[in-house]
Each structure stands twice: as C-alpha cells, then as structure tokens.
C-alpha cells in the first residue's frame, strides 16, 4: 500500500502540529485561573470579642461580606464554622475541652468556603440572633487563595443591636470637608 501525502506543505503542517501542540497544551495546563472564575474560595474569618464584662454571647451570629462588585458572601450561624481560638500572648494549649466561640477577651477564627470575590473585601456586617448582648471588637476576612483580596480590619467596639445587620461599608468612600463619608447597605 502506497501513501501519498500530497504536497510538501501538508507534510510540514502535520509535523509542525505534532511538534507544537504538546508544547502549547503543557503551557495551557500551567496557566492559572483568575479567582473570580473559580467556583469557590476559602475565607478565614477572624473576630475578636472585647474584654468588657458581659461582652460574650452564646447566640447565633451571622456574617455577610463582599466587594464593590456586589459579590456578597453570607454565612448563617457562624458559630458552627469555628476552627480555633487565637491567643497572641500564650502558646496554643491542646486539650479535649470544646471551645465555645465569642467568649470575653478572645479572638476566634472561622473557616468558610463560598463563591469567590472579584475585588478586595470592602464591607462586613454582623447579625446577632437571640437574647444575649454581644460586643465584638474587630473582624477581618482573609481570602486564602488570594491574599490581595483580603480585608482590612473592621472595628465595632460596641454592643450590637439584636436581629438586624450592623456593620461597615468602605466600598464607596467619598471625601467631604468633614472627613470620609461611608455609605451603609440595608439588608432585610
């Protein structure tokens, strides 16, 4: 059986495809996918409870945060996502006693996986559901897959109203002669 490949141009194209295609496929497999195109990101949520007497709570706490493109991440019952307690002054002590989040003078860390934000996190709201009072000090969101998308610290330092969203939005900062003006979001 005799094969006729035709002109030398066709032979050249076939050889070029066999040589170049594996190289381009290898380069494409190493390409990184932008975070906003990924399905999910992991968020490390850090919240401090102040040292004021009666600042702790055993109520359910919800959190919502996002970026200026309205990519909203909502976590109901943050208490169930507790990972660890952070103590900057003492080394971690490992024991079998369950750690209850939101106790006086503590910094708790939670982990949540959800859709990815496209821009840095610029708003954060907390909601306290129940009968206790709670006085958070600060909160911060770290995006583990993209540290450049992590938030600054959001400071509260006051008792939260119950059964309503309360927080800070610095997405649309506008300068005024009296200082920055922050727009607040309204949630149901």
Protein backbone atom coordinates (compact mmCIF):
# COMPACT_ATOMS: atom_id res chain seq x y z
CA UNK A 1 0.00 0.00 0.00
CA UNK A 2 1.45 3.33 -1.02
CA UNK A 3 0.67 6.55 0.89
CA UNK A 4 0.60 9.86 -0.88
CA UNK A 5 0.68 12.84 1.47
CA UNK A 6 0.47 15.31 -1.36
CA UNK A 7 2.49 18.46 -1.31
CA UNK A 8 5.43 19.18 0.99
CA UNK A 9 3.39 21.95 2.64
CA UNK A 10 0.89 19.44 4.03
CA UNK A 11 3.74 17.31 5.38
CA UNK A 12 5.27 20.38 7.00
CA UNK A 13 1.93 21.30 8.64
CA UNK A 14 1.43 17.79 10.02
CA UNK A 15 4.93 17.73 11.51
CA UNK A 16 4.53 21.25 12.92
CA UNK A 17 1.25 20.32 14.61
CA UNK A 18 2.79 17.22 16.19
CA UNK A 19 5.74 19.22 17.48
CA UNK A 20 3.98 22.40 18.63
CA UNK A 21 0.68 21.06 20.02
CA UNK A 22 2.16 19.24 23.06
CA UNK A 23 4.16 22.36 23.95
CA UNK A 24 1.05 24.60 23.86
CA UNK A 25 -1.01 22.08 25.83
CA UNK A 26 1.67 21.95 28.52
CA UNK A 27 1.70 25.76 28.75
CA UNK A 28 -2.10 25.89 28.96
CA UNK A 29 -2.19 23.37 31.80
CA UNK A 30 0.16 25.58 33.86
CA UNK A 31 -1.95 28.70 33.38
CA UNK A 32 -3.70 29.92 36.50
CA UNK A 33 -7.40 30.54 36.58
CA UNK A 34 -8.39 34.01 37.85
CA UNK A 35 -10.04 33.81 41.29
CA UNK A 36 -13.34 35.31 40.15
CA UNK A 37 -13.67 32.48 37.60
CA UNK A 38 -13.04 29.79 40.22
CA UNK A 39 -16.09 28.22 41.75
CA UNK A 40 -15.15 28.63 45.42
CA UNK A 41 -12.65 30.31 47.71
CA UNK A 42 -11.85 29.61 51.34
CA UNK A 43 -12.23 32.50 53.77
CA UNK A 44 -10.57 32.73 57.20
CA UNK A 45 -12.86 34.90 59.32
CA UNK A 46 -11.27 36.37 62.45
CA UNK A 47 -13.45 38.01 65.11
CA UNK A 48 -12.44 39.46 68.45
CA UNK A 49 -14.82 39.74 71.41
CA UNK A 50 -13.92 42.68 73.66
CA UNK A 51 -12.83 42.39 77.28
CA UNK A 52 -15.83 44.31 78.64
CA UNK A 53 -17.79 42.45 81.32
CA UNK A 54 -20.80 40.78 79.68
CA UNK A 55 -19.39 41.09 76.13
CA UNK A 56 -19.68 37.34 75.40
CA UNK A 57 -22.61 35.64 73.70
CA UNK A 58 -23.91 32.15 73.09
CA UNK A 59 -26.40 33.41 70.49
CA UNK A 60 -26.20 32.67 66.79
CA UNK A 61 -24.03 35.09 64.87
CA UNK A 62 -24.31 35.55 61.10
CA UNK A 63 -21.88 37.44 58.90
CA UNK A 64 -22.04 38.88 55.40
CA UNK A 65 -19.22 40.48 53.49
CA UNK A 66 -18.27 41.26 49.94
CA UNK A 67 -16.65 43.52 47.40
CA UNK A 68 -17.67 46.63 45.50
CA UNK A 69 -18.98 44.49 42.60
CA UNK A 70 -21.78 43.22 44.88
CA UNK A 71 -20.27 39.76 45.28
CA UNK A 72 -21.99 39.01 48.58
CA UNK A 73 -20.92 36.12 50.85
CA UNK A 74 -23.42 35.21 53.56
CA UNK A 75 -22.72 32.81 56.44
CA UNK A 76 -25.63 31.89 58.70
CA UNK A 77 -24.73 30.53 62.14
CA UNK A 78 -21.06 31.40 62.08
CA UNK A 79 -20.75 29.60 65.43
CA UNK A 80 -20.88 26.23 63.63
CA UNK A 81 -17.83 27.11 61.46
CA UNK A 82 -15.47 27.59 64.45
CA UNK A 83 -11.92 26.44 63.74
CA UNK A 84 -9.71 27.71 66.56
CA UNK A 85 -9.11 30.32 69.18
CA UNK A 86 -6.17 32.64 68.57
CA UNK A 87 -4.18 33.84 71.54
CA UNK A 88 -1.32 36.17 70.67
CA UNK A 89 0.08 36.18 74.23
CA UNK A 90 0.19 32.47 75.06
CA UNK A 91 1.07 29.37 73.07
CA UNK A 92 -1.84 27.22 71.99
CA UNK A 93 -2.89 24.61 74.53
CA UNK A 94 -4.34 21.45 73.03
CA UNK A 95 -6.94 19.72 75.15
CA UNK A 96 -10.19 17.83 74.66
CA UNK A 97 -12.41 20.57 76.09
CA UNK A 98 -14.63 22.01 73.35
CA UNK A 99 -14.02 25.69 72.77
CA UNK A 100 -17.05 27.92 72.78
CA UNK A 101 -16.75 30.91 70.43
CA UNK A 102 -17.41 34.54 71.33
CA UNK A 103 -16.24 34.46 74.95
CA UNK A 104 -14.91 37.58 76.71
CA UNK A 105 -11.41 38.71 75.65
CA UNK A 106 -10.98 36.12 72.89
CA UNK A 107 -10.09 36.08 69.23
CA UNK A 108 -11.83 33.31 67.29
CA UNK A 109 -11.17 32.09 63.79
CA UNK A 110 -13.74 30.52 61.49
CA UNK A 111 -13.42 28.99 58.06
CA UNK A 112 -15.98 29.19 55.28
CA UNK A 113 -15.93 28.10 51.65
CA UNK A 114 -18.11 30.01 49.23
CA UNK A 115 -18.05 31.80 45.88
CA UNK A 116 -15.02 33.98 45.25
CA UNK A 117 -14.97 37.76 45.44
CA UNK A 118 -13.50 39.64 42.46
CA UNK A 119 -12.12 42.67 44.31
CA UNK A 120 -10.85 43.22 47.87
CA UNK A 121 -13.46 42.72 50.59
CA UNK A 122 -14.72 46.21 51.49
CA UNK A 123 -17.85 45.67 53.58
CA UNK A 124 -18.69 43.45 56.54
CA UNK A 125 -21.92 43.14 58.53
CA UNK A 126 -22.73 41.04 61.60
CA UNK A 127 -26.14 39.92 62.83
CA UNK A 128 -26.84 38.68 66.36
CA UNK A 129 -29.92 36.46 66.76
CA UNK A 130 -31.08 35.69 70.30
CA UNK A 131 -31.44 37.26 73.73
CA UNK A 132 -27.81 37.88 74.78
CA UNK A 133 -25.83 41.02 74.16
CA UNK A 134 -22.50 40.80 72.33
CA UNK A 135 -19.72 43.32 71.95
CA UNK A 136 -17.28 42.44 69.14
CA UNK A 137 -14.03 44.38 68.91
CA UNK A 138 -12.90 43.79 65.34
CA UNK A 139 -13.40 41.45 62.42
CA UNK A 140 -11.24 40.62 59.42
CA UNK A 141 -11.67 38.45 56.32
CA UNK A 142 -8.68 36.72 54.73
CA UNK A 143 -9.05 35.11 51.31
CA UNK A 144 -6.70 32.12 51.46
CA UNK A 145 -6.41 31.73 47.67
CA UNK A 146 -5.81 35.45 47.08
CA UNK A 147 -4.32 37.48 49.93
CA UNK A 148 -4.65 40.67 47.85
CA UNK A 149 -8.45 40.28 48.17
CA UNK A 150 -8.39 40.18 51.99
CA UNK A 151 -10.00 42.95 54.02
CA UNK A 152 -8.56 45.45 56.42
CA UNK A 153 -9.83 45.34 60.00
CA UNK A 154 -13.45 46.35 60.59
CA UNK A 155 -13.89 47.83 64.08
CA UNK A 156 -17.10 47.62 66.11
CA UNK A 157 -16.31 48.08 69.84
CA UNK A 158 -19.95 48.48 70.82
CA UNK A 159 -22.82 46.18 71.64
CA UNK A 160 -24.58 45.01 68.50
CA UNK A 161 -28.31 45.54 68.10
CA UNK A 162 -30.18 42.23 68.03
CA UNK A 163 -31.89 40.73 64.99
CA UNK A 164 -30.57 43.24 62.46
CA UNK A 165 -27.47 43.65 60.28
CA UNK A 166 -24.89 46.06 61.67
CA UNK A 167 -21.54 46.79 60.06
CA UNK A 168 -19.20 48.88 57.98
CA UNK A 169 -19.08 49.59 54.24
CA UNK A 170 -15.98 51.34 52.89
CA UNK A 171 -16.58 50.39 49.24
CA UNK A 172 -17.84 53.80 48.12
CA UNK A 173 -15.72 56.15 50.22
CA UNK A 174 -16.45 59.75 49.38
CA UNK A 175 -14.37 62.57 50.74
CA UNK A 176 -16.17 65.52 52.29
CA UNK A 177 -14.80 68.63 54.03
CA UNK A 178 -15.73 66.94 57.33
CA UNK A 179 -13.94 63.66 56.61
CA UNK A 180 -14.79 60.47 54.72
CA UNK A 181 -18.44 59.63 54.19
CA UNK A 182 -19.33 55.94 54.24
CA UNK A 183 -22.42 54.60 52.52
CA UNK A 184 -24.26 51.91 54.52
CA UNK A 185 -26.03 48.96 52.99
CA UNK A 186 -29.54 47.98 54.09
CA UNK A 187 -30.34 44.27 54.36
CA UNK A 188 -33.53 42.52 55.34
